[in-house]
Protein backbone atom coordinates (compact mmCIF):
# COMPACT_ATOMS: atom_id res chain seq x y z
CA MET A 1 47.47 -48.68 -5.89
CA THR A 2 48.80 -46.25 -3.43
CA LYS A 3 47.85 -42.75 -5.16
CA PRO A 4 51.25 -40.49 -5.61
CA ASP A 5 51.10 -37.31 -2.95
CA TYR A 6 51.55 -34.37 -5.65
CA GLN A 7 51.13 -32.03 -2.79
CA THR A 8 54.62 -33.37 -1.71
CA LEU A 9 56.30 -34.17 -5.19
CA ILE A 10 55.40 -31.03 -6.94
CA ASP A 11 57.01 -27.85 -5.16
CA ALA A 12 55.28 -24.46 -4.88
CA GLU A 13 56.71 -23.24 -7.69
CA THR A 14 55.54 -25.84 -9.99
CA TRP A 15 52.07 -25.49 -8.67
CA ALA A 16 51.84 -22.09 -9.16
CA PHE A 17 52.99 -23.15 -12.84
CA ILE A 18 50.01 -25.24 -12.86
CA ASP A 19 47.46 -23.15 -11.46
CA ARG A 20 48.75 -20.40 -14.16
CA THR A 21 48.20 -23.12 -16.85
CA ASN A 22 45.55 -24.12 -15.97
CA ALA A 23 43.27 -20.75 -15.51
CA HIS A 24 44.38 -20.84 -18.76
CA TYR A 25 43.46 -24.40 -20.63
CA PRO A 26 41.26 -26.09 -17.99
CA PRO A 27 41.56 -29.82 -17.28
CA ASP A 28 38.35 -30.54 -19.55
CA THR A 29 40.03 -28.99 -22.74
CA ALA A 30 40.27 -32.65 -24.36
CA THR A 31 36.65 -32.60 -23.80
CA LEU A 32 36.09 -29.78 -26.50
CA SER A 33 35.96 -28.91 -30.36
CA ILE A 34 38.84 -29.18 -32.06
CA ALA A 35 38.56 -25.17 -32.94
CA GLU A 36 37.84 -24.57 -28.57
CA GLN A 37 41.01 -26.77 -28.05
CA ARG A 38 42.96 -24.93 -30.60
CA ALA A 39 42.09 -21.08 -29.32
CA ILE A 40 42.47 -22.30 -25.76
CA TYR A 41 45.88 -23.74 -26.60
CA ASP A 42 46.86 -19.96 -28.60
CA ARG A 43 45.77 -18.25 -25.48
CA MET A 44 47.08 -20.30 -22.89
CA CYS A 45 50.42 -20.36 -24.80
CA ALA A 46 50.40 -16.65 -25.51
CA ALA A 47 50.47 -16.14 -21.86
CA PHE A 48 54.00 -17.85 -21.20
CA ASP A 49 55.42 -15.62 -24.60
CA THR A 50 59.11 -14.19 -23.59
CA PRO A 51 60.90 -11.75 -25.23
CA TYR A 52 63.80 -13.03 -28.08
CA PRO A 53 67.33 -13.30 -26.43
CA ALA A 54 69.72 -10.83 -27.76
CA GLY A 55 70.85 -12.03 -30.87
CA VAL A 56 68.16 -14.21 -32.04
CA THR A 57 65.74 -13.46 -34.83
CA ALA A 58 63.70 -15.68 -36.92
CA HIS A 59 61.38 -15.66 -39.92
CA ASP A 60 59.04 -17.99 -41.78
CA ALA A 61 60.04 -20.61 -44.68
CA VAL A 62 58.51 -23.33 -46.32
CA VAL A 63 61.10 -26.75 -46.12
CA ALA A 64 59.84 -30.23 -48.65
CA GLY A 65 56.34 -28.17 -48.51
CA VAL A 66 56.33 -27.72 -44.78
CA PRO A 67 55.90 -24.49 -43.35
CA CYS A 68 58.74 -23.84 -40.71
CA ARG A 69 60.34 -20.72 -38.59
CA ILE A 70 63.70 -20.40 -38.57
CA TYR A 71 66.00 -19.20 -36.36
CA PRO A 72 69.39 -18.92 -38.16
CA GLY A 73 72.69 -19.59 -36.23
CA ALA A 74 75.76 -22.12 -36.34
CA ARG A 75 75.34 -25.69 -37.71
CA PRO A 76 74.64 -28.39 -37.44
CA THR A 77 70.46 -27.43 -37.76
CA VAL A 78 68.40 -28.49 -34.50
CA LEU A 79 64.98 -29.56 -36.06
CA TYR A 80 62.41 -28.84 -33.05
CA LEU A 81 59.13 -30.87 -33.48
CA HIS A 82 56.71 -29.27 -30.85
CA GLY A 83 53.96 -31.22 -28.82
CA GLY A 84 50.32 -30.75 -29.08
CA GLY A 85 48.47 -34.12 -29.23
CA TYR A 86 48.81 -33.91 -32.89
CA VAL A 87 45.88 -31.61 -32.57
CA VAL A 88 46.94 -28.11 -31.34
CA GLY A 89 50.20 -26.00 -31.45
CA GLY A 90 52.45 -25.07 -34.61
CA LEU A 91 54.70 -22.10 -35.39
CA HIS A 92 53.65 -19.48 -32.63
CA SER A 93 53.45 -22.44 -29.57
CA HIS A 94 56.77 -23.17 -29.28
CA ASP A 95 58.23 -20.04 -30.90
CA GLY A 96 59.81 -19.28 -27.22
CA VAL A 97 61.20 -22.53 -26.58
CA CYS A 98 63.32 -22.68 -30.06
CA ALA A 99 64.50 -18.91 -29.50
CA ASP A 100 65.95 -19.97 -26.32
CA ILE A 101 67.09 -23.61 -27.84
CA ARG A 102 68.99 -20.86 -30.07
CA ALA A 103 70.50 -18.43 -28.07
CA ALA A 104 71.28 -21.35 -25.28
CA THR A 105 73.35 -23.28 -27.94
CA GLY A 106 73.97 -21.01 -31.04
CA LEU A 107 72.81 -23.37 -33.06
CA THR A 108 69.91 -23.10 -36.45
CA VAL A 109 66.34 -24.34 -34.83
CA VAL A 110 63.84 -25.22 -37.75
CA SER A 111 60.76 -25.80 -36.18
CA ALA A 112 58.37 -27.96 -38.24
CA ASP A 113 54.06 -26.90 -38.62
CA TYR A 114 53.65 -30.26 -39.45
CA ARG A 115 49.48 -31.19 -40.14
CA LEU A 116 47.56 -31.78 -37.13
CA SER A 117 44.56 -34.47 -36.69
CA PRO A 118 41.74 -34.45 -37.37
CA GLU A 119 41.97 -32.52 -40.65
CA HIS A 120 45.29 -34.68 -41.38
CA ARG A 121 45.50 -37.96 -39.73
CA HIS A 122 48.14 -40.56 -39.58
CA PRO A 123 51.05 -40.16 -41.19
CA ALA A 124 50.30 -36.88 -42.69
CA ALA A 125 52.66 -35.45 -39.37
CA PHE A 126 54.69 -38.37 -39.59
CA ASP A 127 55.51 -37.59 -43.13
CA ASP A 128 55.73 -33.96 -42.67
CA ALA A 129 58.60 -34.44 -39.94
CA CYS A 130 60.45 -36.99 -42.14
CA ALA A 131 60.17 -34.75 -45.14
CA VAL A 132 61.73 -31.60 -43.13
CA ALA A 133 64.59 -34.19 -41.62
CA ARG A 134 65.49 -35.18 -44.99
CA ALA A 135 65.51 -31.74 -46.27
CA LEU A 136 67.52 -30.20 -43.63
CA ALA A 137 69.47 -33.30 -43.89
CA ALA A 138 70.50 -33.18 -47.18
CA GLU A 139 72.28 -29.62 -46.56
CA GLY A 140 74.66 -30.72 -42.98
CA PRO A 141 74.39 -32.63 -40.31
CA LEU A 142 70.81 -32.56 -37.94
CA ILE A 143 69.84 -32.89 -34.99
CA LEU A 144 66.56 -33.73 -33.79
CA VAL A 145 64.35 -32.34 -30.85
CA GLY A 146 60.81 -33.09 -29.70
CA ASP A 147 58.26 -32.34 -27.19
CA SER A 148 55.62 -34.45 -26.26
CA ALA A 149 53.96 -36.03 -29.21
CA GLY A 150 56.44 -33.89 -31.11
CA GLY A 151 58.85 -36.30 -29.06
CA ASN A 152 57.36 -39.33 -30.70
CA LEU A 153 57.80 -37.72 -34.17
CA ALA A 154 61.32 -36.91 -33.87
CA ALA A 155 62.26 -40.80 -32.75
CA ALA A 156 59.61 -42.38 -35.28
CA ALA A 157 61.02 -40.65 -37.73
CA CYS A 158 64.61 -41.43 -36.66
CA HIS A 159 63.42 -45.31 -37.08
CA ALA A 160 62.20 -44.76 -40.32
CA LEU A 161 64.97 -42.87 -42.24
CA ARG A 162 67.94 -44.91 -40.81
CA PRO A 163 68.25 -46.64 -44.52
CA LEU A 164 69.09 -43.27 -45.43
CA ARG A 165 71.86 -42.93 -43.13
CA LEU A 166 71.13 -38.91 -43.01
CA PRO A 167 73.39 -37.36 -40.44
CA ILE A 168 71.60 -36.99 -37.88
CA LEU A 169 74.03 -36.50 -34.77
CA GLY A 170 71.25 -37.11 -31.96
CA GLN A 171 67.83 -37.00 -30.60
CA VAL A 172 66.17 -35.22 -27.82
CA LEU A 173 63.04 -36.14 -26.34
CA ILE A 174 61.14 -34.56 -24.06
CA TYR A 175 58.51 -36.17 -22.05
CA PRO A 176 57.59 -38.46 -25.61
CA GLY A 177 54.62 -40.44 -25.75
CA LEU A 178 56.42 -43.70 -27.46
CA GLY A 179 53.35 -46.45 -27.19
CA GLY A 180 54.34 -47.33 -23.75
CA ASP A 181 52.19 -49.91 -21.65
CA VAL A 182 48.75 -47.67 -21.19
CA ASP A 183 47.50 -50.06 -18.55
CA ARG A 184 50.48 -50.69 -16.35
CA GLY A 185 53.64 -48.10 -14.91
CA SER A 186 53.49 -44.60 -15.33
CA TYR A 187 50.24 -44.77 -17.12
CA LEU A 188 47.98 -46.20 -13.92
CA THR A 189 50.29 -45.02 -11.36
CA HIS A 190 49.85 -41.06 -12.71
CA ALA A 191 46.79 -41.51 -14.00
CA GLU A 192 45.55 -38.23 -12.59
CA ALA A 193 48.44 -36.59 -12.55
CA PRO A 194 48.52 -32.86 -13.17
CA MET A 195 48.37 -31.70 -16.81
CA LEU A 196 47.94 -35.41 -18.36
CA THR A 197 45.99 -37.66 -17.31
CA ARG A 198 45.93 -41.27 -18.58
CA ASP A 199 42.48 -40.17 -20.32
CA ASP A 200 44.01 -36.82 -22.04
CA VAL A 201 46.54 -39.96 -23.65
CA LEU A 202 43.93 -41.93 -24.96
CA PHE A 203 41.82 -39.23 -26.19
CA TYR A 204 45.12 -38.41 -28.34
CA LYS A 205 46.05 -41.22 -29.40
CA GLY A 206 43.08 -42.43 -30.77
CA ILE A 207 42.42 -39.23 -32.61
CA ARG A 208 45.30 -39.51 -35.01
CA HIS A 209 43.57 -42.33 -36.95
CA ASP A 210 40.20 -43.09 -38.68
CA GLY A 211 39.88 -46.21 -36.45
CA PRO A 212 41.14 -48.22 -34.12
CA PRO A 213 45.28 -46.86 -33.58
CA PRO A 214 47.35 -49.51 -35.05
CA GLU A 215 48.92 -50.93 -32.13
CA ASP A 216 52.43 -52.62 -34.01
CA ASP A 217 53.51 -49.62 -36.59
CA PRO A 218 56.75 -47.97 -35.38
CA THR A 219 55.60 -45.02 -37.42
CA VAL A 220 53.03 -44.49 -34.72
CA HIS A 221 54.67 -46.29 -31.75
CA PRO A 222 58.00 -46.18 -31.70
CA LEU A 223 58.67 -48.85 -28.56
CA ARG A 224 56.35 -51.11 -30.08
CA ASP A 225 59.39 -51.46 -33.80
CA THR A 226 61.03 -54.30 -33.45
CA ASP A 227 64.44 -53.50 -34.14
CA PHE A 228 66.50 -50.64 -32.48
CA SER A 229 69.83 -50.85 -34.12
CA GLY A 230 71.10 -48.24 -36.33
CA LEU A 231 70.00 -45.21 -33.90
CA PRO A 232 71.24 -42.06 -33.42
CA PRO A 233 72.70 -40.82 -29.69
CA THR A 234 69.82 -40.50 -27.93
CA LEU A 235 68.78 -38.52 -24.51
CA ALA A 236 65.22 -39.12 -23.69
CA ILE A 237 63.60 -37.44 -20.69
CA ALA A 238 60.22 -37.81 -18.43
CA ALA A 239 58.66 -35.69 -16.09
CA GLU A 240 58.40 -37.38 -12.64
CA CYS A 241 54.43 -36.50 -12.71
CA ASP A 242 53.26 -37.74 -16.01
CA PRO A 243 51.61 -40.73 -17.41
CA LEU A 244 53.94 -40.58 -19.84
CA ALA A 245 57.10 -41.13 -17.74
CA ASP A 246 57.96 -44.44 -18.11
CA ASP A 247 58.11 -44.27 -22.16
CA ALA A 248 61.75 -42.53 -22.04
CA ARG A 249 62.91 -44.80 -19.78
CA ALA A 250 61.57 -48.29 -21.53
CA TYR A 251 62.94 -46.18 -24.75
CA ALA A 252 66.46 -45.99 -23.79
CA GLU A 253 66.84 -49.41 -22.36
CA LYS A 254 65.83 -50.72 -25.51
CA ILE A 255 68.25 -48.52 -27.63
CA THR A 256 70.96 -50.07 -24.94
CA SER A 257 70.32 -52.77 -24.87
CA ALA A 258 70.70 -53.11 -28.94
CA GLY A 259 73.97 -51.88 -28.48
CA GLY A 260 73.27 -48.07 -29.12
CA HIS A 261 74.24 -44.84 -27.00
CA ALA A 262 71.36 -43.49 -25.03
CA ALA A 263 70.03 -42.36 -22.03
CA TRP A 264 66.99 -40.94 -19.47
CA ILE A 265 66.24 -38.66 -16.81
CA VAL A 266 63.38 -38.79 -14.89
CA GLU A 267 62.61 -34.84 -14.27
CA LYS A 268 61.92 -34.97 -9.78
CA GLY A 269 58.84 -33.50 -9.29
CA LEU A 270 57.90 -32.08 -12.90
CA VAL A 271 54.49 -32.49 -15.02
CA HIS A 272 54.23 -32.66 -18.18
CA GLY A 273 54.68 -29.50 -20.93
CA TYR A 274 57.32 -28.08 -17.93
CA LEU A 275 59.16 -26.05 -20.91
CA ARG A 276 57.06 -23.47 -20.66
CA ALA A 277 57.91 -23.07 -16.57
CA ARG A 278 61.63 -22.96 -17.83
CA THR A 279 61.53 -18.88 -16.70
CA SER A 280 59.72 -19.34 -13.36
CA VAL A 281 60.43 -22.55 -11.95
CA PRO A 282 63.82 -23.70 -10.76
CA ARG A 283 63.56 -27.36 -11.47
CA ALA A 284 62.04 -26.63 -14.90
CA ARG A 285 64.87 -24.43 -15.39
CA ASP A 286 67.28 -26.95 -14.93
CA SER A 287 65.84 -29.33 -16.55
CA PHE A 288 66.07 -27.05 -19.82
CA ASP A 289 69.97 -26.34 -19.38
CA ARG A 290 70.02 -30.49 -19.30
CA ILE A 291 68.55 -30.24 -22.77
CA THR A 292 70.48 -27.33 -24.00
CA ALA A 293 73.73 -29.19 -23.02
CA ALA A 294 72.53 -32.37 -24.84
CA ILE A 295 71.92 -30.72 -28.23
CA ALA A 296 75.38 -29.03 -27.56
CA GLY A 297 76.83 -32.25 -26.96
CA PHE A 298 75.52 -33.80 -29.94
CA ALA A 299 76.61 -31.03 -31.85
CA GLY A 300 80.53 -31.78 -30.79
CA MET A 301 79.41 -35.27 -31.77
CA HIS A 302 79.45 -36.55 -28.06
CA PRO A 303 76.89 -38.89 -27.05
CA PRO A 304 74.56 -38.00 -23.38
CA ALA A 305 76.25 -38.43 -20.43
């Protein structure tokens, strides 16, 4: 297998972002203790913090028993589920992302501080995502957005909540890990990608469970579901240089094959975690504009183009 030439695929601005990230978050972080991982991740996220845009405010509240941060705006509401491998991250790590979504769309954003592994094994995070989605949907239409592990939780919640016929207008999944085959495709091609490796994926896949991960449970791996009908309109976004890249395409294709509305995008030359580069890397800024445009489109009940 020919290895990708990341020096060609990735531009100078993105390399500067990677180097800056690695200065705070070394590539071997996943091998450290959970406490060390969280401390390093928090410091790294703080280094990329940006001030709230004008007019954006936030306050913390509990929704369905889950700590949340609410960025008030118009309806429908955006439920944001953060990334972090189900191990790290929280209300502070994606605070700037959520504030910028609120500024770009004008919509109310609710960020959920779901429970993390290994203290809280699956289905704790999934249960929290579903509980907050149900509570918010009881008050009005909802759009689910998540990155990485949060993209998994958003998709899994959409699958599980279908029988309730909640007013979920759409979902935007940003470099999500959805349970693709780790022994083929992008998982091998980009096994040594900057920012996230295949070994990292396997670590985070396993830490959610007390034993071997269940392979055919759609609450864990939405791609393993046997029914993709009745899902909300979906935009799945992959970073090109990411072992998870194929999951976005596979998921969108399964929804489309089942008669639903879905689209997928591969963001050329970008890497896992590029949302933090939205203010410094033109490619990431353009992708963030596509993300917020999709959210705004779903708010008008339009499927992704």
